[in-house]
Amino acid sequence: MSSEEFELSASVRTDLGKGASRRLRRLNNEIPAVLYGGEKKPVSLTIAHKDIAKALENEAFFSHIITLNIDSKKEKVVIKALQRHPAKPFIMHADFQRVSMDKELHVKVPIHFINEDRCVGVKLGGGIIQRTLNEIEVACLPKDLPEYIEVDMLEVDLNGSVHLSEITLPEGVVSVALSHGEGSDLSVASVQLPRGVADEDELEAAEGEEGETEDESAEEGDTPASEDSPGDSE
């Protein structure tokens, strides 16, 4: 667990609808948000864009318990969804879920790959690391929520992979996919030759096999027929 703490101030929003949301963003530089979950009803909120944009600069914001200050009340929440503008660096909408400290929650936690520069398949095999996943969905109590999951690439050889089932998770944390009996053979990262080098190696291997086949054919083929000797009578 990280000692990092996140707090956001929000206000209850009563002016709803797409038009109201557009005015909110354009005139007030605020964004619409919604808070749901638990035994309470969903609540529509507004949050200052500059505040959430600053919080999002820290990767841990996505996998951390956040204190949402709504007017005079505090709520423990996690962020569940974020909508960004497709062309501009602007947040459009945020979804938050209430957290109960004694109930399990599902959160996507980022992966931190370590020892990439010392990886056997990179240093000795000339390969490159190809990341398949950047985050893992985990289930745990809020107190056990990790800021990130480490994946050690040190001993991964060329053409080797690290699978989801091989990752050691912190105590009290389980993979949602694995708990459902899925993803045991899912690759998180692998070490492969760069594409151009791999193509050349495949071509050389194919040419070598073709040459061996031609040699074998020459050895096993029929001997040339002898010419008729001169002077043979008709």
C-alpha atoms as a PDB file:
ATOM      1  CA  MET A   1       0.000   0.000   0.000  1.00  0.00           C
ATOM      2  CA  SER A   2       1.147   3.477  -0.822  1.00  0.00           C
ATOM      3  CA  SER A   3       1.011   6.271   1.743  1.00  0.00           C
ATOM      4  CA  GLU A   4      -0.206   8.553  -1.050  1.00  0.00           C
ATOM      5  CA  GLU A   5      -3.562  10.163  -0.275  1.00  0.00           C
ATOM      6  CA  PHE A   6      -5.992  11.599  -2.784  1.00  0.00           C
ATOM      7  CA  GLU A   7      -8.781  14.029  -2.033  1.00  0.00           C
ATOM      8  CA  LEU A   8     -11.166  15.709  -4.448  1.00  0.00           C
ATOM      9  CA  SER A   9     -13.798  18.323  -3.772  1.00  0.00           C
ATOM     10  CA  ALA A  10     -17.163  17.921  -5.482  1.00  0.00           C
ATOM     11  CA  SER A  11     -20.619  19.441  -5.434  1.00  0.00           C
ATOM     12  CA  VAL A  12     -24.018  17.859  -5.963  1.00  0.00           C
ATOM     13  CA  ARG A  13     -25.349  18.659  -9.447  1.00  0.00           C
ATOM     14  CA  THR A  14     -29.050  19.301  -9.976  1.00  0.00           C
ATOM     15  CA  ASP A  15     -28.910  20.757 -13.493  1.00  0.00           C
ATOM     16  CA  LEU A  16     -28.823  17.540 -15.544  1.00  0.00           C
ATOM     17  CA  GLY A  17     -28.802  16.649 -19.241  1.00  0.00           C
ATOM     18  CA  LYS A  18     -26.353  16.968 -22.153  1.00  0.00           C
ATOM     19  CA  GLY A  19     -26.894  20.684 -22.549  1.00  0.00           C
ATOM     20  CA  ALA A  20     -26.220  21.293 -18.874  1.00  0.00           C
ATOM     21  CA  SER A  21     -23.049  19.187 -19.069  1.00  0.00           C
ATOM     22  CA  ARG A  22     -21.795  21.192 -22.043  1.00  0.00           C
ATOM     23  CA  ARG A  23     -22.446  24.470 -20.226  1.00  0.00           C
ATOM     24  CA  LEU A  24     -20.704  23.094 -17.161  1.00  0.00           C
ATOM     25  CA  ARG A  25     -17.540  22.308 -19.114  1.00  0.00           C
ATOM     26  CA  ARG A  26     -17.550  25.444 -21.236  1.00  0.00           C
ATOM     27  CA  LEU A  27     -18.534  28.115 -18.716  1.00  0.00           C
ATOM     28  CA  ASN A  28     -17.340  26.788 -15.360  1.00  0.00           C
ATOM     29  CA  ASN A  29     -14.381  24.629 -16.420  1.00  0.00           C
ATOM     30  CA  GLU A  30     -15.933  21.798 -14.421  1.00  0.00           C
ATOM     31  CA  ILE A  31     -16.860  18.270 -15.422  1.00  0.00           C
ATOM     32  CA  PRO A  32     -19.921  16.148 -14.657  1.00  0.00           C
ATOM     33  CA  ALA A  33     -19.416  13.002 -12.593  1.00  0.00           C
ATOM     34  CA  VAL A  34     -21.526  10.330 -10.938  1.00  0.00           C
ATOM     35  CA  LEU A  35     -21.111   8.493  -7.644  1.00  0.00           C
ATOM     36  CA  TYR A  36     -22.799   5.111  -7.231  1.00  0.00           C
ATOM     37  CA  GLY A  37     -22.578   1.836  -5.322  1.00  0.00           C
ATOM     38  CA  GLY A  38     -23.308   0.675  -1.818  1.00  0.00           C
ATOM     39  CA  GLU A  39     -26.778   1.043  -0.373  1.00  0.00           C
ATOM     40  CA  LYS A  40     -27.157   4.701  -1.321  1.00  0.00           C
ATOM     41  CA  LYS A  41     -28.652   6.090  -4.503  1.00  0.00           C
ATOM     42  CA  PRO A  42     -26.451   7.390  -7.323  1.00  0.00           C
ATOM     43  CA  VAL A  43     -25.555  11.058  -7.025  1.00  0.00           C
ATOM     44  CA  SER A  44     -24.702  13.435  -9.881  1.00  0.00           C
ATOM     45  CA  LEU A  45     -21.709  15.641  -9.135  1.00  0.00           C
ATOM     46  CA  THR A  46     -19.523  18.392 -10.524  1.00  0.00           C
ATOM     47  CA  ILE A  47     -15.748  18.499 -10.084  1.00  0.00           C
ATOM     48  CA  ALA A  48     -13.280  21.219 -11.059  1.00  0.00           C
ATOM     49  CA  HIS A  49     -11.410  20.087 -14.164  1.00  0.00           C
ATOM     50  CA  LYS A  50      -8.071  21.377 -12.903  1.00  0.00           C
ATOM     51  CA  ASP A  51      -8.377  19.263  -9.734  1.00  0.00           C
ATOM     52  CA  ILE A  52      -9.065  15.953 -11.422  1.00  0.00           C
ATOM     53  CA  ALA A  53      -6.523  16.684 -14.175  1.00  0.00           C
ATOM     54  CA  LYS A  54      -3.837  17.212 -11.530  1.00  0.00           C
ATOM     55  CA  ALA A  55      -4.805  14.002  -9.703  1.00  0.00           C
ATOM     56  CA  LEU A  56      -4.617  12.033 -12.947  1.00  0.00           C
ATOM     57  CA  GLU A  57      -0.959  12.968 -13.348  1.00  0.00           C
ATOM     58  CA  ASN A  58      -0.261  10.332 -10.690  1.00  0.00           C
ATOM     59  CA  GLU A  59      -0.742   6.758 -11.907  1.00  0.00           C
ATOM     60  CA  ALA A  60      -1.706   5.665  -8.376  1.00  0.00           C
ATOM     61  CA  PHE A  61      -4.943   7.664  -8.630  1.00  0.00           C
ATOM     62  CA  PHE A  62      -6.475   4.788 -10.628  1.00  0.00           C
ATOM     63  CA  SER A  63      -5.719   2.138  -7.996  1.00  0.00           C
ATOM     64  CA  HIS A  64      -6.171   4.029  -4.754  1.00  0.00           C
ATOM     65  CA  ILE A  65      -8.907   4.825  -2.265  1.00  0.00           C
ATOM     66  CA  ILE A  66      -9.960   8.435  -2.883  1.00  0.00           C
ATOM     67  CA  THR A  67     -11.662  10.738  -0.392  1.00  0.00           C
ATOM     68  CA  LEU A  68     -14.420  12.616  -2.152  1.00  0.00           C
ATOM     69  CA  ASN A  69     -15.476  15.750  -0.274  1.00  0.00           C
ATOM     70  CA  ILE A  70     -19.065  16.359  -1.331  1.00  0.00           C
ATOM     71  CA  ASP A  71     -20.116  19.687   0.126  1.00  0.00           C
ATOM     72  CA  SER A  72     -19.740  18.917   3.875  1.00  0.00           C
ATOM     73  CA  LYS A  73     -19.643  15.108   3.651  1.00  0.00           C
ATOM     74  CA  LYS A  74     -16.770  12.714   2.921  1.00  0.00           C
ATOM     75  CA  GLU A  75     -17.062   9.508   0.865  1.00  0.00           C
ATOM     76  CA  LYS A  76     -14.420   6.817   0.318  1.00  0.00           C
ATOM     77  CA  VAL A  77     -14.440   5.922  -3.381  1.00  0.00           C
ATOM     78  CA  VAL A  78     -12.458   4.456  -6.276  1.00  0.00           C
ATOM     79  CA  ILE A  79     -12.559   5.726  -9.827  1.00  0.00           C
ATOM     80  CA  LYS A  80     -14.266   3.234 -12.148  1.00  0.00           C
ATOM     81  CA  ALA A  81     -14.464   5.008 -15.498  1.00  0.00           C
ATOM     82  CA  LEU A  82     -13.099   8.103 -17.164  1.00  0.00           C
ATOM     83  CA  GLN A  83     -14.178   9.674 -20.438  1.00  0.00           C
ATOM     84  CA  ARG A  84     -11.655  11.845 -22.255  1.00  0.00           C
ATOM     85  CA  HIS A  85     -12.144  14.163 -25.208  1.00  0.00           C
ATOM     86  CA  PRO A  86     -11.111  12.302 -28.394  1.00  0.00           C
ATOM     87  CA  ALA A  87      -8.946  15.142 -29.704  1.00  0.00           C
ATOM     88  CA  LYS A  88      -8.236  17.544 -26.839  1.00  0.00           C
ATOM     89  CA  PRO A  89      -6.471  17.086 -23.467  1.00  0.00           C
ATOM     90  CA  PHE A  90      -9.734  17.416 -21.609  1.00  0.00           C
ATOM     91  CA  ILE A  91     -11.647  15.138 -19.207  1.00  0.00           C
ATOM     92  CA  MET A  92     -15.326  14.817 -20.168  1.00  0.00           C
ATOM     93  CA  HIS A  93     -16.861  12.674 -17.394  1.00  0.00           C
ATOM     94  CA  ALA A  94     -15.892  10.543 -14.394  1.00  0.00           C
ATOM     95  CA  ASP A  95     -17.560   7.632 -12.602  1.00  0.00           C
ATOM     96  CA  PHE A  96     -16.809   6.899  -8.940  1.00  0.00           C
ATOM     97  CA  GLN A  97     -17.842   3.888  -6.878  1.00  0.00           C
ATOM     98  CA  ARG A  98     -18.427   3.978  -3.140  1.00  0.00           C
ATOM     99  CA  VAL A  99     -16.123   1.809  -1.058  1.00  0.00           C
ATOM    100  CA  SER A 100     -16.955  -0.052   2.135  1.00  0.00           C
ATOM    101  CA  MET A 101     -13.798  -0.860   4.080  1.00  0.00           C
ATOM    102  CA  ASP A 102     -15.111  -4.323   5.033  1.00  0.00           C
ATOM    103  CA  LYS A 103     -16.288  -5.349   1.551  1.00  0.00           C
ATOM    104  CA  GLU A 104     -14.204  -6.722  -1.305  1.00  0.00           C
ATOM    105  CA  LEU A 105     -13.786  -4.499  -4.339  1.00  0.00           C
ATOM    106  CA  HIS A 106     -12.607  -5.073  -7.912  1.00  0.00           C
ATOM    107  CA  VAL A 107     -10.028  -2.634  -9.256  1.00  0.00           C
ATOM    108  CA  LYS A 108      -7.689  -2.609 -12.253  1.00  0.00           C
ATOM    109  CA  VAL A 109      -4.136  -2.181 -10.973  1.00  0.00           C
ATOM    110  CA  PRO A 110      -1.235  -1.091 -13.232  1.00  0.00           C
ATOM    111  CA  ILE A 111       1.698  -3.410 -13.880  1.00  0.00           C
ATOM    112  CA  HIS A 112       5.266  -2.232 -13.240  1.00  0.00           C
ATOM    113  CA  PHE A 113       7.817  -4.245 -15.205  1.00  0.00           C
ATOM    114  CA  ILE A 114      11.202  -4.445 -13.457  1.00  0.00           C
ATOM    115  CA  ASN A 115      14.677  -5.563 -14.616  1.00  0.00           C
ATOM    116  CA  GLU A 116      13.788  -5.022 -18.266  1.00  0.00           C
ATOM    117  CA  ASP A 117      17.303  -3.754 -19.043  1.00  0.00           C
ATOM    118  CA  ARG A 118      18.860  -6.804 -17.338  1.00  0.00           C
ATOM    119  CA  CYS A 119      16.510  -9.371 -18.900  1.00  0.00           C
ATOM    120  CA  VAL A 120      18.401 -12.479 -20.093  1.00  0.00           C
ATOM    121  CA  GLY A 121      16.511 -12.640 -23.382  1.00  0.00           C
ATOM    122  CA  VAL A 122      17.369  -9.001 -24.086  1.00  0.00           C
ATOM    123  CA  LYS A 123      21.028  -8.903 -22.983  1.00  0.00           C
ATOM    124  CA  LEU A 124      22.115 -12.310 -24.245  1.00  0.00           C
ATOM    125  CA  GLY A 125      19.476 -13.185 -26.818  1.00  0.00           C
ATOM    126  CA  GLY A 126      19.132  -9.817 -28.559  1.00  0.00           C
ATOM    127  CA  GLY A 127      15.374  -9.779 -28.055  1.00  0.00           C
ATOM    128  CA  ILE A 128      12.942  -7.046 -27.113  1.00  0.00           C
ATOM    129  CA  ILE A 129      10.199  -7.117 -24.485  1.00  0.00           C
ATOM    130  CA  GLN A 130       6.662  -7.140 -25.802  1.00  0.00           C
ATOM    131  CA  ARG A 131       4.046  -6.189 -23.214  1.00  0.00           C
ATOM    132  CA  THR A 132       0.661  -7.836 -23.610  1.00  0.00           C
ATOM    133  CA  LEU A 133      -1.010  -6.399 -20.487  1.00  0.00           C
ATOM    134  CA  ASN A 134      -0.523  -3.078 -18.735  1.00  0.00           C
ATOM    135  CA  GLU A 135      -2.944  -3.720 -15.857  1.00  0.00           C
ATOM    136  CA  ILE A 136      -4.524  -6.573 -13.931  1.00  0.00           C
ATOM    137  CA  GLU A 137      -8.014  -6.617 -12.447  1.00  0.00           C
ATOM    138  CA  VAL A 138      -7.753  -7.697  -8.817  1.00  0.00           C
ATOM    139  CA  ALA A 139     -10.158  -8.386  -5.971  1.00  0.00           C
ATOM    140  CA  CYS A 140      -9.308  -7.440  -2.374  1.00  0.00           C
ATOM    141  CA  LEU A 141     -10.384  -5.489   0.655  1.00  0.00           C
ATOM    142  CA  PRO A 142      -9.683  -1.747   0.417  1.00  0.00           C
ATOM    143  CA  LYS A 143      -6.893  -1.994   3.027  1.00  0.00           C
ATOM    144  CA  ASP A 144      -5.023  -4.507   0.821  1.00  0.00           C
ATOM    145  CA  LEU A 145      -5.345  -2.599  -2.456  1.00  0.00           C
ATOM    146  CA  PRO A 146      -1.876  -2.379  -4.064  1.00  0.00           C
ATOM    147  CA  GLU A 147      -0.758   0.701  -5.937  1.00  0.00           C
ATOM    148  CA  TYR A 148       0.770  -1.507  -8.639  1.00  0.00           C
ATOM    149  CA  ILE A 149       1.814  -5.103  -9.373  1.00  0.00           C
ATOM    150  CA  GLU A 150       5.471  -5.899 -10.084  1.00  0.00           C
ATOM    151  CA  VAL A 151       6.456  -8.295 -12.873  1.00  0.00           C
ATOM    152  CA  ASP A 152      10.135  -9.292 -12.858  1.00  0.00           C
ATOM    153  CA  MET A 153      11.593  -9.814 -16.357  1.00  0.00           C
ATOM    154  CA  LEU A 154      15.131 -10.723 -15.189  1.00  0.00           C
ATOM    155  CA  GLU A 155      15.096 -14.468 -15.930  1.00  0.00           C
ATOM    156  CA  VAL A 156      12.880 -14.447 -19.019  1.00  0.00           C
ATOM    157  CA  ASP A 157      14.812 -15.933 -21.951  1.00  0.00           C
ATOM    158  CA  LEU A 158      14.401 -15.311 -25.674  1.00  0.00           C
ATOM    159  CA  ASN A 159      10.987 -16.603 -26.857  1.00  0.00           C
ATOM    160  CA  GLY A 160       9.959 -16.916 -23.204  1.00  0.00           C
ATOM    161  CA  SER A 161       6.833 -15.441 -21.607  1.00  0.00           C
ATOM    162  CA  VAL A 162       5.476 -14.451 -18.217  1.00  0.00           C
ATOM    163  CA  HIS A 163       1.920 -15.684 -17.727  1.00  0.00           C
ATOM    164  CA  LEU A 164      -0.778 -14.284 -15.480  1.00  0.00           C
ATOM    165  CA  SER A 165      -0.715 -17.452 -13.360  1.00  0.00           C
ATOM    166  CA  GLU A 166       3.021 -16.942 -12.653  1.00  0.00           C
ATOM    167  CA  ILE A 167       2.680 -13.497 -11.085  1.00  0.00           C
ATOM    168  CA  THR A 168       3.006 -13.304  -7.314  1.00  0.00           C
ATOM    169  CA  LEU A 169       0.294 -11.036  -5.931  1.00  0.00           C
ATOM    170  CA  PRO A 170       0.423  -9.382  -2.493  1.00  0.00           C
ATOM    171  CA  GLU A 171      -1.261 -11.109   0.406  1.00  0.00           C
ATOM    172  CA  GLY A 172      -5.027 -10.666   0.367  1.00  0.00           C
ATOM    173  CA  VAL A 173      -5.071  -9.856  -3.360  1.00  0.00           C
ATOM    174  CA  VAL A 174      -6.334 -12.245  -6.061  1.00  0.00           C
ATOM    175  CA  SER A 175      -6.636 -12.024  -9.827  1.00  0.00           C
ATOM    176  CA  VAL A 176     -10.279 -11.752 -10.873  1.00  0.00           C
ATOM    177  CA  ALA A 177      -9.641 -13.714 -14.082  1.00  0.00           C
ATOM    178  CA  LEU A 178      -7.847 -16.546 -12.282  1.00  0.00           C
ATOM    179  CA  SER A 179     -10.501 -16.710  -9.569  1.00  0.00           C
ATOM    180  CA  HIS A 180     -13.036 -17.304 -12.351  1.00  0.00           C
ATOM    181  CA  GLY A 181     -10.902 -20.109 -13.798  1.00  0.00           C
ATOM    182  CA  GLU A 182      -9.768 -18.003 -16.755  1.00  0.00           C
ATOM    183  CA  GLY A 183      -6.509 -16.524 -18.042  1.00  0.00           C
ATOM    184  CA  SER A 184      -4.052 -19.053 -16.557  1.00  0.00           C
ATOM    185  CA  ASP A 185      -2.169 -19.212 -19.882  1.00  0.00           C
ATOM    186  CA  LEU A 186      -2.619 -15.509 -20.650  1.00  0.00           C
ATOM    187  CA  SER A 187       0.718 -13.887 -21.493  1.00  0.00           C
ATOM    188  CA  VAL A 188       1.545 -10.692 -19.625  1.00  0.00           C
ATOM    189  CA  ALA A 189       4.817 -10.082 -21.483  1.00  0.00           C
ATOM    190  CA  SER A 190       7.230 -11.988 -23.716  1.00  0.00           C
ATOM    191  CA  VAL A 191      10.731 -11.602 -25.159  1.00  0.00           C
ATOM    192  CA  GLN A 192      10.950 -11.838 -28.945  1.00  0.00           C
ATOM    193  CA  LEU A 193      13.488 -10.990 -31.627  1.00  0.00           C
ATOM    194  CA  PRO A 194      12.850  -7.662 -33.374  1.00  0.00           C
ATOM    195  CA  ARG A 195      10.594  -8.184 -36.387  1.00  0.00           C
ATOM    196  CA  GLY A 196      13.250  -7.591 -39.055  1.00  0.00           C
ATOM    197  CA  VAL A 197      15.751  -9.930 -37.387  1.00  0.00           C
ATOM    198  CA  ALA A 198      13.097 -12.596 -36.878  1.00  0.00           C
ATOM    199  CA  ASP A 199      12.148 -12.404 -40.581  1.00  0.00           C
ATOM    200  CA  GLU A 200      15.801 -12.809 -41.639  1.00  0.00           C
ATOM    201  CA  ASP A 201      16.262 -15.807 -39.347  1.00  0.00           C
ATOM    202  CA  GLU A 202      13.123 -17.442 -40.703  1.00  0.00           C
ATOM    203  CA  LEU A 203      14.305 -16.818 -44.271  1.00  0.00           C
ATOM    204  CA  GLU A 204      17.756 -18.277 -43.567  1.00  0.00           C
ATOM    205  CA  ALA A 205      16.193 -21.317 -41.902  1.00  0.00           C
ATOM    206  CA  ALA A 206      13.881 -21.835 -44.875  1.00  0.00           C
ATOM    207  CA  GLU A 207      16.764 -21.496 -47.339  1.00  0.00           C
ATOM    208  CA  GLY A 208      18.821 -23.972 -45.293  1.00  0.00           C
ATOM    209  CA  GLU A 209      16.010 -26.517 -45.346  1.00  0.00           C
ATOM    210  CA  GLU A 210      15.548 -26.001 -49.080  1.00  0.00           C
ATOM    211  CA  GLY A 211      19.269 -26.561 -49.701  1.00  0.00           C
ATOM    212  CA  GLU A 212      19.265 -29.757 -47.658  1.00  0.00           C
ATOM    213  CA  THR A 213      16.260 -31.012 -49.610  1.00  0.00           C
ATOM    214  CA  GLU A 214      18.005 -30.340 -52.943  1.00  0.00           C
ATOM    215  CA  ASP A 215      21.156 -32.154 -51.759  1.00  0.00           C
ATOM    216  CA  GLU A 216      19.125 -35.153 -50.665  1.00  0.00           C
ATOM    217  CA  SER A 217      17.316 -35.223 -54.004  1.00  0.00           C
ATOM    218  CA  ALA A 218      20.616 -35.165 -55.909  1.00  0.00           C
ATOM    219  CA  GLU A 219      21.985 -38.048 -53.852  1.00  0.00           C
ATOM    220  CA  GLU A 220      18.866 -40.176 -54.199  1.00  0.00           C
ATOM    221  CA  GLY A 221      18.090 -39.336 -57.856  1.00  0.00           C
ATOM    222  CA  ASP A 222      18.558 -41.679 -60.909  1.00  0.00           C
ATOM    223  CA  THR A 223      22.001 -41.737 -62.520  1.00  0.00           C
ATOM    224  CA  PRO A 224      22.087 -40.216 -66.015  1.00  0.00           C
ATOM    225  CA  ALA A 225      21.484 -42.711 -68.851  1.00  0.00           C
ATOM    226  CA  SER A 226      24.664 -43.679 -70.772  1.00  0.00           C
ATOM    227  CA  GLU A 227      24.961 -42.655 -74.413  1.00  0.00           C
ATOM    228  CA  ASP A 228      24.948 -45.319 -77.153  1.00  0.00           C
ATOM    229  CA  SER A 229      28.477 -46.456 -77.969  1.00  0.00           C
ATOM    230  CA  PRO A 230      29.701 -45.481 -81.420  1.00  0.00           C
ATOM    231  CA  GLY A 231      29.866 -48.407 -83.762  1.00  0.00           C
ATOM    232  CA  ASP A 232      26.808 -50.142 -82.376  1.00  0.00           C
ATOM    233  CA  SER A 233      25.140 -51.893 -85.208  1.00  0.00           C
ATOM    234  CA  GLU A 234      21.603 -51.166 -86.094  1.00  0.00           C
END
